[in-house]
Protein backbone atom coordinates (compact mmCIF):
# COMPACT_ATOMS: atom_id res chain seq x y z
CA MET A 1 -28.15 -180.94 109.98
CA ALA A 2 -31.78 -179.94 110.43
CA THR A 3 -33.50 -177.99 107.66
CA PRO A 4 -33.92 -174.31 108.63
CA THR A 5 -37.46 -173.04 108.87
CA LEU A 6 -38.94 -169.60 108.29
CA GLN A 7 -39.97 -169.28 111.94
CA PRO A 8 -37.50 -168.57 114.76
CA PRO A 9 -37.36 -171.26 117.45
CA SER A 10 -39.75 -170.66 120.34
CA THR A 11 -37.48 -172.55 122.75
CA VAL A 12 -33.75 -171.90 122.83
CA ARG A 13 -31.15 -173.80 124.81
CA ALA A 14 -28.10 -171.97 126.06
CA SER A 15 -25.80 -174.78 124.98
CA ALA A 16 -26.96 -174.37 121.36
CA LEU A 17 -25.95 -170.71 121.25
CA MET A 18 -22.40 -171.02 122.55
CA HIS A 19 -20.60 -171.63 119.26
CA GLY A 20 -18.83 -169.41 116.77
CA SER A 21 -16.68 -166.30 116.96
CA PRO A 22 -17.58 -163.63 119.54
CA SER A 23 -19.43 -161.59 116.91
CA ASP A 24 -21.36 -164.65 115.63
CA PHE A 25 -22.21 -165.57 119.21
CA VAL A 26 -23.55 -162.10 120.09
CA ILE A 27 -25.58 -161.82 116.86
CA ASN A 28 -27.16 -165.25 117.35
CA ALA A 29 -27.90 -164.49 121.00
CA TYR A 30 -29.82 -161.33 120.05
CA LEU A 31 -31.66 -163.03 117.19
CA ALA A 32 -32.65 -166.00 119.34
CA LEU A 33 -33.61 -164.19 122.54
CA GLN A 34 -34.73 -160.72 121.40
CA ARG A 35 -35.83 -161.49 117.82
CA GLN A 36 -33.82 -158.57 116.47
CA TRP A 37 -30.35 -157.72 115.20
CA PRO A 38 -28.08 -156.33 117.95
CA ASP A 39 -27.96 -152.56 118.29
CA GLY A 40 -24.60 -150.85 118.10
CA GLY A 41 -24.33 -150.18 121.82
CA GLY A 42 -25.18 -153.69 122.95
CA PHE A 43 -23.04 -155.29 120.27
CA GLY A 44 -19.99 -153.24 121.22
CA HIS A 45 -20.58 -153.76 124.94
CA TYR A 46 -20.70 -157.54 124.76
CA LEU A 47 -17.80 -157.79 122.34
CA HIS A 48 -15.71 -155.75 124.76
CA LEU A 49 -16.85 -157.95 127.66
CA LEU A 50 -15.90 -161.12 125.78
CA GLU A 51 -12.56 -159.60 124.83
CA GLN A 52 -11.84 -159.10 128.54
CA GLN A 53 -13.49 -162.36 129.65
CA PRO A 54 -13.54 -164.88 126.76
CA GLY A 55 -15.22 -167.55 128.86
CA ALA A 56 -18.18 -165.40 129.96
CA ARG A 57 -20.58 -166.43 127.19
CA ALA A 58 -23.05 -168.00 129.62
CA GLN A 59 -23.17 -164.71 131.55
CA VAL A 60 -23.89 -162.80 128.34
CA LEU A 61 -26.73 -165.16 127.42
CA ARG A 62 -28.31 -164.81 130.85
CA GLU A 63 -28.13 -161.01 130.70
CA ILE A 64 -29.73 -160.85 127.24
CA ALA A 65 -32.40 -163.39 128.21
CA ALA A 66 -33.28 -161.32 131.30
CA SER A 67 -33.72 -158.09 129.31
CA PRO A 68 -37.21 -156.53 128.99
CA THR A 69 -37.09 -156.99 125.22
CA ALA A 70 -36.46 -160.72 125.53
CA ARG A 71 -39.26 -161.07 128.07
CA ARG A 72 -41.68 -159.29 125.73
CA CYS A 73 -40.75 -161.65 122.89
CA GLY A 74 -41.86 -164.63 124.94
CA VAL A 75 -38.96 -166.86 123.92
CA ARG A 76 -38.46 -169.80 126.29
CA PHE A 77 -34.82 -169.76 127.35
CA VAL A 78 -33.55 -173.07 128.75
CA ASP A 79 -30.38 -172.47 130.76
CA ASP A 80 -28.83 -175.94 130.55
CA LEU A 81 -25.34 -174.77 131.49
CA PRO A 82 -23.69 -174.96 134.92
CA GLU A 83 -23.78 -171.78 136.97
CA ASP A 84 -19.98 -171.41 136.77
CA HIS A 85 -19.70 -172.48 133.12
CA VAL A 86 -16.62 -171.18 131.29
CA PHE A 87 -16.58 -171.35 127.50
CA LEU A 88 -13.37 -172.79 126.04
CA PRO A 89 -12.29 -172.82 122.36
CA GLU A 90 -12.53 -176.61 122.24
CA HIS A 91 -16.26 -176.30 123.00
CA HIS A 92 -16.86 -174.80 119.57
CA GLU A 93 -18.71 -177.03 117.07
CA SER A 94 -18.91 -175.71 113.52
CA HIS A 95 -21.95 -177.72 112.42
CA LYS A 96 -24.01 -176.45 115.37
CA LEU A 97 -23.01 -172.87 114.57
CA VAL A 98 -24.09 -173.26 110.94
CA GLU A 99 -27.37 -174.89 111.91
CA MET A 100 -28.29 -172.21 114.46
CA SER A 101 -27.11 -169.32 112.28
CA LEU A 102 -29.15 -170.48 109.29
CA ALA A 103 -32.29 -170.98 111.35
CA LEU A 104 -32.05 -167.64 113.14
CA ARG A 105 -30.83 -165.39 110.34
CA LEU A 106 -33.12 -166.78 107.67
CA ALA A 107 -36.12 -166.37 109.96
CA GLN A 108 -35.10 -162.79 110.84
CA ALA A 109 -34.53 -161.91 107.18
CA VAL A 110 -38.02 -163.18 106.32
CA ALA A 111 -39.50 -161.15 109.21
CA ASP A 112 -37.64 -158.03 108.06
CA ILE A 113 -38.89 -158.49 104.50
CA ARG A 114 -42.47 -158.86 105.68
CA GLN A 115 -42.17 -155.73 107.79
CA LEU A 116 -40.70 -153.85 104.84
CA GLN A 117 -43.53 -155.03 102.59
CA ALA A 118 -46.09 -153.87 105.15
CA SER A 119 -44.37 -150.48 105.40
CA VAL A 120 -44.23 -150.07 101.64
CA GLY A 121 -47.90 -151.03 101.42
CA GLN A 122 -48.74 -148.10 103.68
CA LEU A 123 -47.07 -145.59 101.34
CA THR A 124 -50.38 -144.55 99.85
CA GLU A 125 -51.48 -141.04 99.02
CA HIS A 126 -53.83 -140.98 102.02
CA HIS A 127 -51.24 -142.10 104.56
CA LEU A 128 -48.55 -139.83 103.15
CA SER A 129 -50.92 -136.87 103.31
CA ARG A 130 -51.77 -137.60 106.95
CA ALA A 131 -48.12 -138.05 107.87
CA LEU A 132 -47.16 -134.83 106.12
CA ASN A 133 -49.91 -132.84 107.85
CA ALA A 134 -48.90 -134.23 111.25
CA PHE A 135 -45.25 -133.39 110.54
CA VAL A 136 -46.03 -129.84 109.43
CA GLU A 137 -48.35 -129.22 112.39
CA ALA A 138 -45.78 -130.51 114.88
CA HIS A 139 -43.00 -128.39 113.41
CA ALA A 140 -45.27 -125.36 113.12
CA GLY A 141 -46.14 -125.65 116.83
CA ALA A 142 -42.49 -125.96 117.81
CA GLN A 143 -41.60 -123.04 115.56
CA CYS A 144 -44.31 -120.82 117.12
CA LEU A 145 -43.01 -121.67 120.59
CA LEU A 146 -39.44 -120.86 119.62
CA GLU A 147 -40.49 -117.61 117.94
CA SER A 148 -42.39 -116.60 121.09
CA ARG A 149 -39.28 -117.21 123.18
CA VAL A 150 -37.17 -115.28 120.69
CA ASN A 151 -39.57 -112.32 120.86
CA THR A 152 -39.45 -112.37 124.66
CA LEU A 153 -35.67 -112.51 124.59
CA ALA A 154 -35.55 -109.65 122.08
CA ALA A 155 -37.75 -107.53 124.37
CA ASP A 156 -35.44 -108.27 127.30
CA VAL A 157 -32.43 -107.31 125.19
CA ARG A 158 -34.04 -103.99 124.24
CA GLU A 159 -34.84 -103.27 127.89
CA LEU A 160 -31.25 -104.02 128.90
CA GLY A 161 -30.03 -101.76 126.10
CA ARG A 162 -32.19 -98.87 127.34
CA ALA A 163 -31.01 -99.43 130.91
CA ALA A 164 -27.37 -99.42 129.82
CA ALA A 165 -27.89 -96.23 127.80
CA GLN A 166 -29.58 -94.50 130.73
CA GLY A 167 -26.73 -95.53 133.03
CA SER A 168 -24.20 -94.05 130.65
CA LEU A 169 -26.19 -90.78 130.45
CA ARG A 170 -26.49 -90.51 134.21
CA GLY A 171 -22.73 -90.86 134.52
CA ALA A 172 -21.96 -88.18 131.93
CA GLY A 173 -22.48 -85.13 134.23
CA PRO A 174 -19.80 -82.72 135.40
CA LEU A 175 -19.22 -84.63 138.63
CA ALA A 176 -18.40 -87.74 136.63
CA ALA A 177 -16.16 -85.73 134.35
CA ALA A 178 -14.08 -84.37 137.21
CA PRO A 179 -14.73 -86.36 140.41
CA ALA A 180 -12.96 -85.13 143.52
CA ASP A 181 -12.27 -88.64 144.84
CA PRO A 182 -9.74 -90.69 142.80
CA GLU A 183 -11.33 -93.95 143.99
CA ALA A 184 -14.73 -92.75 142.77
CA ALA A 185 -13.17 -91.86 139.44
CA SER A 186 -11.67 -95.35 139.14
CA TRP A 187 -14.97 -96.95 140.06
CA ARG A 188 -16.80 -94.76 137.53
CA ALA A 189 -14.32 -95.77 134.83
CA GLU A 190 -14.91 -99.47 135.60
CA VAL A 191 -18.67 -98.96 135.48
CA ASP A 192 -18.43 -97.17 132.14
CA ALA A 193 -16.23 -99.93 130.74
CA GLY A 194 -18.69 -102.54 131.96
CA LEU A 195 -21.59 -100.66 130.38
CA ALA A 196 -19.66 -100.42 127.12
CA ARG A 197 -19.01 -104.18 127.13
CA THR A 198 -22.67 -104.82 127.94
CA THR A 199 -23.81 -102.58 125.10
CA GLU A 200 -21.48 -104.36 122.70
CA ALA A 201 -22.71 -107.79 123.85
CA LEU A 202 -26.32 -106.67 123.50
CA GLY A 203 -25.60 -105.53 119.96
CA GLN A 204 -24.16 -108.94 119.10
CA ILE A 205 -27.17 -110.68 120.65
CA THR A 206 -29.50 -108.45 118.66
CA GLN A 207 -27.66 -109.41 115.46
CA GLN A 208 -27.91 -113.09 116.35
CA LEU A 209 -31.62 -112.73 117.02
CA ALA A 210 -32.07 -111.17 113.60
CA GLU A 211 -30.24 -114.10 112.00
CA LEU A 212 -32.37 -116.52 114.00
CA ARG A 213 -35.54 -114.84 112.77
CA GLU A 214 -34.32 -115.20 109.20
CA GLY A 215 -33.63 -118.89 109.85
CA PHE A 216 -37.16 -119.31 111.16
CA PHE A 217 -38.50 -117.73 108.00
CA HIS A 218 -36.63 -120.19 105.80
CA LEU A 219 -37.71 -123.12 108.01
CA HIS A 220 -41.34 -122.03 107.80
CA HIS A 221 -41.09 -121.72 104.02
CA TYR A 222 -39.56 -125.19 103.75
CA THR A 223 -42.13 -126.96 105.96
CA THR A 224 -45.15 -125.25 104.41
CA VAL A 225 -44.07 -125.02 100.75
CA GLU A 226 -41.00 -127.01 99.74
CA LEU A 227 -41.67 -130.11 101.80
CA LYS A 228 -45.27 -130.30 100.62
CA ARG A 229 -44.12 -129.95 97.03
CA GLN A 230 -41.53 -132.72 97.41
CA VAL A 231 -44.04 -135.10 98.99
CA ALA A 232 -46.60 -134.24 96.31
CA ASP A 233 -44.04 -135.09 93.63
CA TYR A 234 -43.30 -138.37 95.41
CA VAL A 235 -46.99 -139.26 95.67
CA ASN A 236 -47.54 -138.45 92.02
CA ALA A 237 -44.62 -140.68 91.08
CA ILE A 238 -46.10 -143.56 93.12
CA VAL A 239 -49.53 -143.09 91.56
CA GLU A 240 -48.02 -142.97 88.08
CA ALA A 241 -45.90 -146.07 88.70
CA THR A 242 -48.82 -148.10 90.05
CA ARG A 243 -51.39 -146.97 87.46
CA PRO A 244 -52.50 -149.88 85.25
CA ARG A 245 -51.61 -149.36 81.62
CA PRO A 246 -53.64 -150.73 78.68
CA VAL A 247 -52.02 -153.61 76.86
CA LEU A 248 -52.07 -153.08 73.08
CA ALA A 249 -52.56 -156.15 70.93
CA ALA A 250 -49.36 -156.91 69.06
CA GLU A 251 -49.68 -156.81 65.30
CA PRO A 252 -48.56 -160.07 63.67
CA ALA A 253 -45.06 -159.98 62.31
CA ALA A 254 -46.18 -160.91 58.80
CA GLY A 255 -48.73 -158.09 58.72
CA ARG A 256 -46.16 -155.55 59.88
CA ALA A 257 -43.71 -156.74 57.25
CA ARG A 258 -46.31 -156.52 54.45
CA ALA A 259 -47.33 -153.05 55.60
CA ALA A 260 -43.73 -151.91 55.58
CA ALA A 261 -43.15 -153.42 52.16
CA SER A 262 -46.24 -151.77 50.67
CA SER A 263 -45.27 -148.37 52.07
CA THR A 264 -41.76 -148.56 50.63
CA GLY A 265 -42.68 -150.27 47.39
CA ALA A 266 -40.22 -153.11 48.00
CA ALA A 267 -41.06 -156.77 48.26
CA THR A 268 -40.25 -158.41 51.55
CA PRO A 269 -39.28 -162.07 51.46
CA LEU A 270 -41.66 -164.23 53.39
CA ALA A 271 -38.78 -165.92 55.16
CA LYS A 272 -37.88 -162.61 56.75
CA ALA A 273 -41.43 -161.60 57.54
CA VAL A 274 -42.64 -164.80 59.19
CA PRO A 275 -40.51 -166.83 61.60
CA MET A 276 -39.87 -170.34 60.30
CA ARG A 277 -41.23 -173.30 62.21
CA LEU A 278 -39.98 -176.82 62.05
CA VAL A 279 -42.78 -179.33 61.36
CA GLU A 280 -42.20 -182.81 62.61
CA PRO A 281 -42.91 -185.40 59.92
CA THR A 282 -45.92 -187.60 60.55
CA HIS A 283 -45.54 -191.31 60.44
CA GLY A 284 -48.46 -193.27 59.08
């Protein structure tokens, strides 16, 4: 078995990726062809496909190799399988699965660690401050836009409320109280009921708008005060953790023991104050 390296293979043969369980096969195919772990959607899709068509592994490899992500990675995919190849259980070879899995997964783990180290290295006070300002500005802009729309909606609601009130007043005259036509009376009653429902709905919308305004207030307080405080605490913790600390010279054990003995007035045996060392005898 070849020794795995820390670099993923630049050339991948389809026949080398065919081994293992369906989940091992899909994971290795993504690692080899797209240089990334499979996402949940793709992983579930291909597992379902292989559950329905167990022999369609060559088709899966060709689809993944033809994806835009695989093309951007620049991996050379050698399709050395027949066009109508059907994978059978007896094609599985355990040693080839182990060899390919070690090479691919070790290389991807190293790449992930390097990316994590680079990301952690960027967690400086300067970068965190810039990121926080960008986040606050983006959310402040979105909040202003939403508040403007809420104000416009509130004005529309007030206008509808005034229109509904005026309609109710216009219908409150003596003719409406005692209409001569029964059909007109029925129509007037329906209109009044509709206006009453509209007024009630407008009242509920007004209440919801008030609650929404209160939510905006809390969101604004969080993004401009609480979030900045939390990030400041985090930055201070990073600075404190990375600050070099002076190294104090350790006092010899014998000196500490003598000092302790003199302060207490008791004599300290030398065997307890100074560690014993074995001296090899010299041969003349």
